[in-house]
């Protein structure tokens, strides 16, 4: 499956440490849920990004993508100074932006 543009941008911005580009992948009222912790809107997502993503030099590599029920379940390998290992990210898109991301 071809990686949808917003998901590709999310990964590329993370890997490049490009915070503004990363935040620009989300809708203004997007929701990010990371193992039960909920972040709503770009301001809260920016806080998560600083503590759990670009702020800990995360590097992401897509392993697989499956489309299901209007969302994309992406298996991701993560390395950096935070979480290291594989996990699933479920993206819901609104046009060219991410409206919801659930990390589990």
N, C-alpha and C. Protein backbone atom coordinates (compact mmCIF):
# COMPACT_ATOMS: atom_id res chain seq x y z
N UNK A 1 0.85 -1.18 0.00
CA UNK A 1 0.00 0.00 0.00
C UNK A 1 0.89 1.24 0.00
N UNK A 2 0.48 2.24 -0.75
CA UNK A 2 1.19 3.51 -0.78
C UNK A 2 0.87 4.27 0.52
N UNK A 3 1.91 4.82 1.13
CA UNK A 3 1.72 5.57 2.37
C UNK A 3 1.00 6.88 2.08
N UNK A 4 -0.15 7.12 2.71
CA UNK A 4 -0.85 8.39 2.50
C UNK A 4 0.04 9.58 2.87
N UNK A 5 -0.11 10.66 2.14
CA UNK A 5 0.73 11.84 2.28
C UNK A 5 0.84 12.34 3.72
N UNK A 6 -0.25 12.52 4.48
CA UNK A 6 -0.11 13.03 5.84
C UNK A 6 0.72 12.12 6.75
N UNK A 7 0.60 10.83 6.56
CA UNK A 7 1.36 9.88 7.38
C UNK A 7 2.83 9.95 7.00
N UNK A 8 3.11 10.01 5.71
CA UNK A 8 4.50 10.15 5.25
C UNK A 8 5.11 11.44 5.80
N UNK A 9 4.35 12.55 5.77
CA UNK A 9 4.85 13.82 6.31
C UNK A 9 5.11 13.72 7.81
N UNK A 10 4.23 13.06 8.55
CA UNK A 10 4.39 12.84 9.99
C UNK A 10 5.73 12.15 10.27
N UNK A 11 6.01 11.08 9.55
CA UNK A 11 7.25 10.32 9.74
C UNK A 11 8.46 11.16 9.35
N UNK A 12 8.40 11.80 8.18
CA UNK A 12 9.53 12.60 7.70
C UNK A 12 9.84 13.76 8.64
N UNK A 13 8.81 14.46 9.09
CA UNK A 13 9.02 15.60 9.99
C UNK A 13 9.63 15.14 11.30
N UNK A 14 9.15 14.01 11.82
CA UNK A 14 9.74 13.45 13.05
C UNK A 14 11.21 13.15 12.83
N UNK A 15 11.52 12.44 11.76
CA UNK A 15 12.90 12.02 11.52
C UNK A 15 13.83 13.20 11.27
N UNK A 16 13.30 14.28 10.73
CA UNK A 16 14.10 15.47 10.46
C UNK A 16 14.16 16.42 11.65
N UNK A 17 13.38 16.14 12.69
CA UNK A 17 13.33 17.02 13.85
C UNK A 17 12.67 18.36 13.53
N UNK A 18 11.75 18.34 12.58
CA UNK A 18 11.08 19.55 12.09
C UNK A 18 9.75 19.74 12.81
N UNK A 19 9.80 20.42 13.95
CA UNK A 19 8.62 20.55 14.81
C UNK A 19 7.45 21.23 14.11
N UNK A 20 7.68 22.34 13.45
CA UNK A 20 6.58 23.05 12.79
C UNK A 20 5.94 22.20 11.70
N UNK A 21 6.75 21.51 10.93
CA UNK A 21 6.21 20.62 9.89
C UNK A 21 5.44 19.48 10.53
N UNK A 22 5.94 18.95 11.65
CA UNK A 22 5.26 17.88 12.37
C UNK A 22 3.88 18.35 12.82
N UNK A 23 3.82 19.49 13.50
CA UNK A 23 2.54 20.00 13.99
C UNK A 23 1.59 20.32 12.84
N UNK A 24 2.14 20.71 11.71
CA UNK A 24 1.33 21.03 10.53
C UNK A 24 0.66 19.83 9.89
N UNK A 25 1.00 18.62 10.35
CA UNK A 25 0.34 17.43 9.80
C UNK A 25 -1.02 17.18 10.45
N UNK A 26 -1.32 17.91 11.55
CA UNK A 26 -2.55 17.69 12.31
C UNK A 26 -3.59 18.78 12.05
N UNK A 27 -4.87 18.42 12.14
CA UNK A 27 -5.94 19.42 12.14
C UNK A 27 -5.83 20.22 13.43
N UNK A 28 -6.42 21.40 13.46
CA UNK A 28 -6.34 22.27 14.64
C UNK A 28 -6.91 21.60 15.88
N UNK A 29 -7.93 20.75 15.71
CA UNK A 29 -8.58 20.10 16.87
C UNK A 29 -8.28 18.60 16.95
N UNK A 30 -7.17 18.19 16.38
CA UNK A 30 -6.81 16.76 16.36
C UNK A 30 -6.67 16.21 17.77
N UNK A 31 -6.84 14.90 17.86
CA UNK A 31 -6.66 14.18 19.13
C UNK A 31 -5.54 13.17 18.93
N UNK A 32 -4.62 13.13 19.91
CA UNK A 32 -3.56 12.14 19.94
C UNK A 32 -3.68 11.41 21.27
N UNK A 33 -3.80 10.09 21.20
CA UNK A 33 -3.89 9.26 22.40
C UNK A 33 -2.70 8.33 22.40
N UNK A 34 -1.85 8.47 23.42
CA UNK A 34 -0.64 7.67 23.54
C UNK A 34 -0.78 6.78 24.77
N UNK A 35 -1.13 5.53 24.56
CA UNK A 35 -1.32 4.57 25.64
C UNK A 35 -2.23 5.15 26.73
N UNK A 36 -3.33 5.74 26.31
CA UNK A 36 -4.33 6.24 27.24
C UNK A 36 -4.18 7.70 27.60
N UNK A 37 -3.01 8.28 27.39
CA UNK A 37 -2.83 9.72 27.65
C UNK A 37 -3.39 10.49 26.45
N UNK A 38 -4.28 11.44 26.73
CA UNK A 38 -5.00 12.14 25.68
C UNK A 38 -4.47 13.57 25.53
N UNK A 39 -4.21 13.95 24.26
CA UNK A 39 -3.75 15.29 23.91
C UNK A 39 -4.68 15.82 22.82
N UNK A 40 -5.26 17.01 23.04
CA UNK A 40 -6.21 17.57 22.07
C UNK A 40 -5.68 18.91 21.58
N UNK A 41 -5.70 19.05 20.26
CA UNK A 41 -5.28 20.30 19.64
C UNK A 41 -3.76 20.39 19.50
N UNK A 42 -3.33 21.26 18.62
CA UNK A 42 -1.89 21.36 18.31
C UNK A 42 -1.06 21.77 19.52
N UNK A 43 -1.59 22.59 20.42
CA UNK A 43 -0.81 23.01 21.59
C UNK A 43 -0.46 21.81 22.47
N UNK A 44 -1.45 20.97 22.77
CA UNK A 44 -1.17 19.79 23.60
C UNK A 44 -0.34 18.77 22.83
N UNK A 45 -0.58 18.64 21.54
CA UNK A 45 0.22 17.71 20.73
C UNK A 45 1.67 18.18 20.71
N UNK A 46 1.89 19.50 20.70
CA UNK A 46 3.26 20.05 20.75
C UNK A 46 3.94 19.64 22.06
N UNK A 47 3.18 19.63 23.15
CA UNK A 47 3.75 19.20 24.44
C UNK A 47 4.15 17.73 24.39
N UNK A 48 3.29 16.89 23.81
CA UNK A 48 3.61 15.47 23.65
C UNK A 48 4.84 15.32 22.75
N UNK A 49 4.88 16.07 21.68
CA UNK A 49 6.00 16.00 20.75
C UNK A 49 7.33 16.32 21.46
N UNK A 50 7.30 17.32 22.34
CA UNK A 50 8.51 17.73 23.05
C UNK A 50 8.97 16.67 24.05
N UNK A 51 8.02 15.97 24.66
CA UNK A 51 8.39 15.00 25.69
C UNK A 51 8.55 13.57 25.18
N UNK A 52 7.88 13.24 24.07
CA UNK A 52 7.83 11.83 23.64
C UNK A 52 8.23 11.57 22.19
N UNK A 53 8.50 12.60 21.41
CA UNK A 53 8.75 12.37 19.99
C UNK A 53 10.02 13.10 19.54
N UNK A 54 9.88 14.23 18.90
CA UNK A 54 11.06 14.96 18.43
C UNK A 54 11.95 15.36 19.60
N UNK A 55 11.36 15.68 20.73
CA UNK A 55 12.13 16.07 21.90
C UNK A 55 13.06 15.00 22.43
N UNK A 56 12.81 13.75 22.08
CA UNK A 56 13.69 12.64 22.47
C UNK A 56 14.34 11.99 21.24
N UNK A 57 14.44 12.79 20.17
CA UNK A 57 15.12 12.39 18.93
C UNK A 57 14.61 11.06 18.36
N UNK A 58 13.29 10.90 18.37
CA UNK A 58 12.71 9.68 17.80
C UNK A 58 12.99 9.60 16.31
N UNK A 59 13.22 8.38 15.87
CA UNK A 59 13.35 8.10 14.44
C UNK A 59 12.35 6.99 14.15
N UNK A 60 11.51 7.22 13.14
CA UNK A 60 10.42 6.29 12.82
C UNK A 60 10.68 5.59 11.49
N UNK A 61 10.32 4.33 11.43
CA UNK A 61 10.38 3.56 10.19
C UNK A 61 9.10 2.76 10.06
N UNK A 62 8.40 2.97 8.96
CA UNK A 62 7.15 2.23 8.72
C UNK A 62 7.46 0.80 8.35
N UNK A 63 6.82 -0.12 9.05
CA UNK A 63 6.96 -1.55 8.75
C UNK A 63 5.82 -2.02 7.86
N UNK A 64 4.59 -1.63 8.20
CA UNK A 64 3.43 -2.03 7.40
C UNK A 64 2.29 -1.05 7.61
N UNK A 65 1.40 -1.03 6.64
CA UNK A 65 0.19 -0.19 6.70
C UNK A 65 -0.99 -1.03 6.24
N UNK A 66 -2.07 -0.97 7.01
CA UNK A 66 -3.32 -1.65 6.64
C UNK A 66 -4.44 -0.64 6.79
N UNK A 67 -5.29 -0.53 5.77
CA UNK A 67 -6.46 0.35 5.87
C UNK A 67 -7.62 -0.46 6.39
N UNK A 68 -8.31 0.09 7.41
CA UNK A 68 -9.42 -0.62 8.01
C UNK A 68 -10.40 0.37 8.61
N UNK A 69 -11.66 0.23 8.26
CA UNK A 69 -12.73 1.07 8.82
C UNK A 69 -12.44 2.56 8.69
N UNK A 70 -11.88 2.98 7.55
CA UNK A 70 -11.63 4.39 7.30
C UNK A 70 -10.40 4.95 7.97
N UNK A 71 -9.62 4.09 8.64
CA UNK A 71 -8.39 4.53 9.29
C UNK A 71 -7.22 3.72 8.74
N UNK A 72 -6.02 4.12 9.11
CA UNK A 72 -4.81 3.42 8.68
C UNK A 72 -4.07 2.94 9.92
N UNK A 73 -3.91 1.64 10.01
CA UNK A 73 -3.14 1.06 11.12
C UNK A 73 -1.71 0.86 10.61
N UNK A 74 -0.79 1.54 11.26
CA UNK A 74 0.60 1.56 10.81
C UNK A 74 1.48 0.93 11.88
N UNK A 75 2.21 -0.09 11.49
CA UNK A 75 3.20 -0.69 12.39
C UNK A 75 4.49 0.10 12.20
N UNK A 76 5.02 0.61 13.32
CA UNK A 76 6.17 1.52 13.29
C UNK A 76 7.30 0.96 14.14
N UNK A 77 8.53 1.08 13.65
CA UNK A 77 9.71 0.81 14.46
C UNK A 77 10.25 2.16 14.91
N UNK A 78 10.51 2.28 16.21
CA UNK A 78 10.96 3.54 16.80
C UNK A 78 12.32 3.34 17.44
N UNK A 79 13.24 4.27 17.17
CA UNK A 79 14.51 4.34 17.87
C UNK A 79 14.72 5.77 18.33
N UNK A 80 15.59 5.97 19.28
CA UNK A 80 15.88 7.32 19.79
C UNK A 80 16.19 7.27 21.27
N UNK A 81 15.98 8.39 21.94
CA UNK A 81 16.28 8.50 23.35
C UNK A 81 15.04 8.38 24.24
N UNK A 82 13.98 7.82 23.68
CA UNK A 82 12.75 7.55 24.42
C UNK A 82 12.41 6.09 24.22
N UNK A 83 11.16 5.83 23.82
CA UNK A 83 10.72 4.47 23.53
C UNK A 83 11.53 3.92 22.36
N UNK A 84 11.95 2.69 22.48
CA UNK A 84 12.61 1.98 21.39
C UNK A 84 11.91 0.64 21.22
N UNK A 85 11.52 0.35 19.99
CA UNK A 85 10.83 -0.90 19.70
C UNK A 85 9.78 -0.67 18.64
N UNK A 86 8.86 -1.62 18.53
CA UNK A 86 7.79 -1.52 17.55
C UNK A 86 6.47 -1.25 18.26
N UNK A 87 5.57 -0.59 17.54
CA UNK A 87 4.24 -0.34 18.05
C UNK A 87 3.29 -0.02 16.93
N UNK A 88 2.03 0.09 17.27
CA UNK A 88 1.00 0.40 16.28
C UNK A 88 0.50 1.82 16.47
N UNK A 89 0.34 2.52 15.37
CA UNK A 89 -0.26 3.84 15.34
C UNK A 89 -1.44 3.77 14.39
N UNK A 90 -2.61 4.20 14.87
CA UNK A 90 -3.80 4.21 14.03
C UNK A 90 -4.14 5.66 13.71
N UNK A 91 -4.05 6.00 12.44
CA UNK A 91 -4.28 7.35 11.95
C UNK A 91 -5.66 7.45 11.32
N UNK A 92 -6.39 8.50 11.66
CA UNK A 92 -7.62 8.87 10.95
C UNK A 92 -7.32 10.19 10.28
N UNK A 93 -7.63 10.26 8.99
CA UNK A 93 -7.29 11.45 8.21
C UNK A 93 -8.53 12.27 7.89
N UNK A 94 -8.30 13.56 7.76
CA UNK A 94 -9.31 14.51 7.30
C UNK A 94 -8.66 15.26 6.15
N UNK A 95 -8.89 14.77 4.94
CA UNK A 95 -8.21 15.33 3.78
C UNK A 95 -6.72 15.06 3.88
N UNK A 96 -5.92 16.14 3.84
CA UNK A 96 -4.46 16.00 3.89
C UNK A 96 -3.91 16.20 5.30
N UNK A 97 -4.75 16.07 6.32
CA UNK A 97 -4.30 16.25 7.69
C UNK A 97 -4.74 15.08 8.56
N UNK A 98 -4.06 14.93 9.67
CA UNK A 98 -4.38 13.89 10.64
C UNK A 98 -5.38 14.46 11.64
N UNK A 99 -6.53 13.80 11.78
CA UNK A 99 -7.53 14.26 12.76
C UNK A 99 -7.46 13.45 14.06
N UNK A 100 -6.90 12.25 13.97
CA UNK A 100 -6.81 11.41 15.16
C UNK A 100 -5.61 10.47 14.99
N UNK A 101 -4.88 10.30 16.09
CA UNK A 101 -3.77 9.34 16.13
C UNK A 101 -3.85 8.61 17.46
N UNK A 102 -3.95 7.29 17.39
CA UNK A 102 -3.98 6.46 18.60
C UNK A 102 -2.75 5.58 18.57
N UNK A 103 -1.93 5.69 19.61
CA UNK A 103 -0.71 4.91 19.74
C UNK A 103 -0.95 3.85 20.79
N UNK A 104 -0.68 2.59 20.42
CA UNK A 104 -0.89 1.48 21.35
C UNK A 104 0.16 0.41 21.14
